[in-house]
Amino acid sequence: MKLPVIKKITEFIDNHDADYVTEAIETLEAISEAPSLKDEELDVIGELISNMYGALEVHKEIEKGTPQREALNGFMKRVLGSIDK
């Protein structure tokens, strides 16, 4: 996951709608089932999906009133904490 990408997607959600990101995730998940994809391509699709899910989580926190910077940092701490376990 890349924080600048999550931030950019979160800004997109603010300017448009979370439904666009949800639909993009669904599209990427469907594409990932294509049997002809190479491992590198699947890695890229997986990274994009992860960043989009992360942005949706950050957006939810912002909607609850958490400042953007705090929401982003809190999300990354949760992610890194789950990796360490």
N, C-alpha and C. Protein backbone atom coordinates (compact mmCIF):
# COMPACT_ATOMS: atom_id res chain seq x y z
N MET A 1 0.83 -1.18 0.00
CA MET A 1 0.00 0.00 0.00
C MET A 1 0.88 1.25 0.00
N LYS A 2 0.42 2.22 -0.73
CA LYS A 2 1.18 3.46 -0.84
C LYS A 2 0.29 4.61 -0.36
N LEU A 3 0.77 5.29 0.68
CA LEU A 3 0.01 6.37 1.29
C LEU A 3 -0.35 7.49 0.30
N PRO A 4 0.58 7.92 -0.58
CA PRO A 4 0.20 8.97 -1.54
C PRO A 4 -0.93 8.53 -2.48
N VAL A 5 -0.94 7.26 -2.85
CA VAL A 5 -2.00 6.75 -3.73
C VAL A 5 -3.33 6.72 -2.97
N ILE A 6 -3.30 6.25 -1.73
CA ILE A 6 -4.51 6.21 -0.91
C ILE A 6 -5.05 7.63 -0.71
N LYS A 7 -4.15 8.57 -0.47
CA LYS A 7 -4.55 9.97 -0.30
C LYS A 7 -5.23 10.49 -1.56
N LYS A 8 -4.65 10.21 -2.71
CA LYS A 8 -5.20 10.67 -3.98
C LYS A 8 -6.58 10.06 -4.23
N ILE A 9 -6.74 8.78 -3.95
CA ILE A 9 -8.03 8.12 -4.15
C ILE A 9 -9.06 8.69 -3.17
N THR A 10 -8.62 8.98 -1.95
CA THR A 10 -9.52 9.59 -0.96
C THR A 10 -10.00 10.95 -1.44
N GLU A 11 -9.11 11.73 -2.04
CA GLU A 11 -9.50 13.03 -2.60
C GLU A 11 -10.49 12.84 -3.75
N PHE A 12 -10.27 11.80 -4.55
CA PHE A 12 -11.20 11.50 -5.64
C PHE A 12 -12.59 11.20 -5.07
N ILE A 13 -12.62 10.40 -4.00
CA ILE A 13 -13.90 10.07 -3.36
C ILE A 13 -14.59 11.35 -2.87
N ASP A 14 -13.82 12.25 -2.27
CA ASP A 14 -14.38 13.51 -1.78
C ASP A 14 -14.99 14.33 -2.92
N ASN A 15 -14.34 14.33 -4.07
CA ASN A 15 -14.80 15.13 -5.20
C ASN A 15 -15.89 14.46 -6.03
N HIS A 16 -15.99 13.14 -5.92
CA HIS A 16 -16.96 12.42 -6.74
C HIS A 16 -17.87 11.59 -5.84
N ASP A 17 -17.57 10.31 -5.72
CA ASP A 17 -18.42 9.43 -4.93
C ASP A 17 -17.68 8.12 -4.68
N ALA A 18 -17.89 7.54 -3.52
CA ALA A 18 -17.24 6.27 -3.18
C ALA A 18 -17.71 5.14 -4.09
N ASP A 19 -18.89 5.28 -4.67
CA ASP A 19 -19.42 4.23 -5.55
C ASP A 19 -18.51 4.00 -6.76
N TYR A 20 -17.88 5.06 -7.25
CA TYR A 20 -16.96 4.90 -8.38
C TYR A 20 -15.80 3.98 -8.00
N VAL A 21 -15.28 4.16 -6.82
CA VAL A 21 -14.15 3.34 -6.36
C VAL A 21 -14.61 1.90 -6.12
N THR A 22 -15.77 1.76 -5.53
CA THR A 22 -16.31 0.41 -5.30
C THR A 22 -16.51 -0.33 -6.62
N GLU A 23 -17.03 0.37 -7.61
CA GLU A 23 -17.23 -0.26 -8.92
C GLU A 23 -15.89 -0.57 -9.59
N ALA A 24 -14.90 0.29 -9.41
CA ALA A 24 -13.57 0.03 -9.97
C ALA A 24 -12.97 -1.21 -9.32
N ILE A 25 -13.16 -1.36 -8.01
CA ILE A 25 -12.66 -2.55 -7.30
C ILE A 25 -13.31 -3.80 -7.88
N GLU A 26 -14.62 -3.75 -8.05
CA GLU A 26 -15.34 -4.90 -8.61
C GLU A 26 -14.83 -5.24 -10.01
N THR A 27 -14.56 -4.21 -10.80
CA THR A 27 -14.04 -4.42 -12.15
C THR A 27 -12.66 -5.07 -12.12
N LEU A 28 -11.78 -4.54 -11.27
CA LEU A 28 -10.43 -5.11 -11.16
C LEU A 28 -10.47 -6.55 -10.65
N GLU A 29 -11.37 -6.83 -9.70
CA GLU A 29 -11.49 -8.20 -9.20
C GLU A 29 -11.94 -9.14 -10.32
N ALA A 30 -12.86 -8.68 -11.16
CA ALA A 30 -13.30 -9.51 -12.29
C ALA A 30 -12.17 -9.73 -13.29
N ILE A 31 -11.42 -8.68 -13.57
CA ILE A 31 -10.29 -8.78 -14.50
C ILE A 31 -9.24 -9.75 -13.96
N SER A 32 -9.04 -9.74 -12.65
CA SER A 32 -8.00 -10.58 -12.06
C SER A 32 -8.27 -12.08 -12.23
N GLU A 33 -9.47 -12.42 -12.60
CA GLU A 33 -9.81 -13.83 -12.81
C GLU A 33 -9.47 -14.33 -14.20
N ALA A 34 -8.97 -13.44 -15.06
CA ALA A 34 -8.59 -13.85 -16.41
C ALA A 34 -7.40 -14.81 -16.33
N PRO A 35 -7.51 -15.97 -16.94
CA PRO A 35 -6.45 -16.98 -16.83
C PRO A 35 -5.14 -16.60 -17.50
N SER A 36 -5.17 -15.66 -18.41
CA SER A 36 -3.96 -15.32 -19.17
C SER A 36 -3.08 -14.28 -18.48
N LEU A 37 -3.49 -13.78 -17.33
CA LEU A 37 -2.69 -12.75 -16.65
C LEU A 37 -1.41 -13.34 -16.07
N LYS A 38 -0.35 -12.56 -16.17
CA LYS A 38 0.94 -12.95 -15.60
C LYS A 38 0.96 -12.56 -14.13
N ASP A 39 1.87 -13.15 -13.38
CA ASP A 39 1.99 -12.85 -11.95
C ASP A 39 2.23 -11.37 -11.69
N GLU A 40 3.05 -10.74 -12.51
CA GLU A 40 3.34 -9.32 -12.34
C GLU A 40 2.08 -8.48 -12.52
N GLU A 41 1.26 -8.85 -13.48
CA GLU A 41 0.01 -8.13 -13.72
C GLU A 41 -0.96 -8.31 -12.55
N LEU A 42 -1.01 -9.51 -12.02
CA LEU A 42 -1.87 -9.77 -10.86
C LEU A 42 -1.39 -8.97 -9.65
N ASP A 43 -0.07 -8.85 -9.51
CA ASP A 43 0.47 -8.05 -8.40
C ASP A 43 0.04 -6.60 -8.50
N VAL A 44 0.08 -6.05 -9.71
CA VAL A 44 -0.32 -4.65 -9.91
C VAL A 44 -1.82 -4.49 -9.61
N ILE A 45 -2.62 -5.39 -10.11
CA ILE A 45 -4.06 -5.33 -9.85
C ILE A 45 -4.33 -5.45 -8.35
N GLY A 46 -3.64 -6.35 -7.69
CA GLY A 46 -3.80 -6.52 -6.25
C GLY A 46 -3.42 -5.27 -5.47
N GLU A 47 -2.35 -4.63 -5.88
CA GLU A 47 -1.90 -3.40 -5.23
C GLU A 47 -2.94 -2.29 -5.42
N LEU A 48 -3.48 -2.18 -6.62
CA LEU A 48 -4.52 -1.18 -6.87
C LEU A 48 -5.75 -1.43 -6.01
N ILE A 49 -6.18 -2.68 -5.94
CA ILE A 49 -7.34 -3.03 -5.13
C ILE A 49 -7.08 -2.71 -3.66
N SER A 50 -5.91 -3.05 -3.16
CA SER A 50 -5.55 -2.76 -1.77
C SER A 50 -5.59 -1.27 -1.47
N ASN A 51 -5.04 -0.48 -2.37
CA ASN A 51 -5.05 0.97 -2.19
C ASN A 51 -6.47 1.52 -2.21
N MET A 52 -7.30 0.98 -3.06
CA MET A 52 -8.69 1.45 -3.14
C MET A 52 -9.47 1.10 -1.87
N TYR A 53 -9.29 -0.12 -1.38
CA TYR A 53 -9.94 -0.50 -0.11
C TYR A 53 -9.43 0.38 1.03
N GLY A 54 -8.14 0.67 1.02
CA GLY A 54 -7.57 1.54 2.04
C GLY A 54 -8.17 2.93 1.98
N ALA A 55 -8.35 3.45 0.79
CA ALA A 55 -8.94 4.78 0.63
C ALA A 55 -10.38 4.80 1.12
N LEU A 56 -11.11 3.73 0.88
CA LEU A 56 -12.49 3.66 1.39
C LEU A 56 -12.51 3.68 2.91
N GLU A 57 -11.57 2.98 3.53
CA GLU A 57 -11.48 2.98 5.00
C GLU A 57 -11.12 4.37 5.53
N VAL A 58 -10.16 5.01 4.90
CA VAL A 58 -9.76 6.35 5.31
C VAL A 58 -10.93 7.32 5.13
N HIS A 59 -11.64 7.19 4.04
CA HIS A 59 -12.78 8.06 3.78
C HIS A 59 -13.85 7.91 4.87
N LYS A 60 -14.09 6.69 5.31
CA LYS A 60 -15.06 6.47 6.39
C LYS A 60 -14.65 7.20 7.66
N GLU A 61 -13.35 7.17 7.96
CA GLU A 61 -12.86 7.87 9.15
C GLU A 61 -13.01 9.38 9.01
N ILE A 62 -12.75 9.88 7.82
CA ILE A 62 -12.89 11.32 7.58
C ILE A 62 -14.35 11.73 7.72
N GLU A 63 -15.26 10.90 7.24
CA GLU A 63 -16.69 11.19 7.38
C GLU A 63 -17.11 11.24 8.84
N LYS A 64 -16.42 10.49 9.70
CA LYS A 64 -16.72 10.49 11.13
C LYS A 64 -16.16 11.73 11.82
N GLY A 65 -15.38 12.52 11.09
CA GLY A 65 -14.85 13.76 11.64
C GLY A 65 -13.36 13.74 11.91
N THR A 66 -12.69 12.64 11.61
CA THR A 66 -11.25 12.56 11.80
C THR A 66 -10.55 13.39 10.71
N PRO A 67 -9.60 14.23 11.07
CA PRO A 67 -8.85 14.98 10.05
C PRO A 67 -8.15 14.01 9.07
N GLN A 68 -8.01 14.45 7.83
CA GLN A 68 -7.46 13.57 6.80
C GLN A 68 -6.09 13.01 7.19
N ARG A 69 -5.22 13.86 7.63
CA ARG A 69 -3.86 13.41 7.97
C ARG A 69 -3.90 12.35 9.07
N GLU A 70 -4.71 12.59 10.08
CA GLU A 70 -4.83 11.65 11.19
C GLU A 70 -5.46 10.33 10.73
N ALA A 71 -6.45 10.42 9.85
CA ALA A 71 -7.09 9.22 9.32
C ALA A 71 -6.11 8.39 8.50
N LEU A 72 -5.31 9.06 7.68
CA LEU A 72 -4.30 8.36 6.86
C LEU A 72 -3.25 7.69 7.75
N ASN A 73 -2.73 8.44 8.71
CA ASN A 73 -1.70 7.89 9.59
C ASN A 73 -2.24 6.75 10.45
N GLY A 74 -3.46 6.90 10.94
CA GLY A 74 -4.07 5.84 11.74
C GLY A 74 -4.27 4.57 10.94
N PHE A 75 -4.68 4.74 9.70
CA PHE A 75 -4.87 3.58 8.83
C PHE A 75 -3.55 2.85 8.59
N MET A 76 -2.50 3.61 8.28
CA MET A 76 -1.21 2.98 8.02
C MET A 76 -0.67 2.30 9.27
N LYS A 77 -0.90 2.86 10.44
CA LYS A 77 -0.47 2.21 11.69
C LYS A 77 -1.18 0.88 11.87
N ARG A 78 -2.49 0.85 11.56
CA ARG A 78 -3.24 -0.41 11.67
C ARG A 78 -2.70 -1.45 10.69
N VAL A 79 -2.40 -1.01 9.48
CA VAL A 79 -1.88 -1.93 8.47
C VAL A 79 -0.52 -2.48 8.91
N LEU A 80 0.36 -1.59 9.32
CA LEU A 80 1.69 -2.04 9.73
C LEU A 80 1.61 -2.90 10.98
N GLY A 81 0.68 -2.59 11.87
CA GLY A 81 0.51 -3.40 13.08
C GLY A 81 0.03 -4.81 12.76
N SER A 82 -0.82 -4.92 11.74
CA SER A 82 -1.31 -6.25 11.37
C SER A 82 -0.24 -7.06 10.65
N ILE A 83 0.69 -6.39 9.99
CA ILE A 83 1.79 -7.08 9.31
C ILE A 83 2.77 -7.64 10.34
N ASP A 84 2.99 -6.89 11.41
CA ASP A 84 3.94 -7.31 12.44
C ASP A 84 3.49 -8.53 13.22
N LYS A 85 2.19 -8.80 13.19
CA LYS A 85 1.66 -9.93 13.99
C LYS A 85 1.93 -11.27 13.34
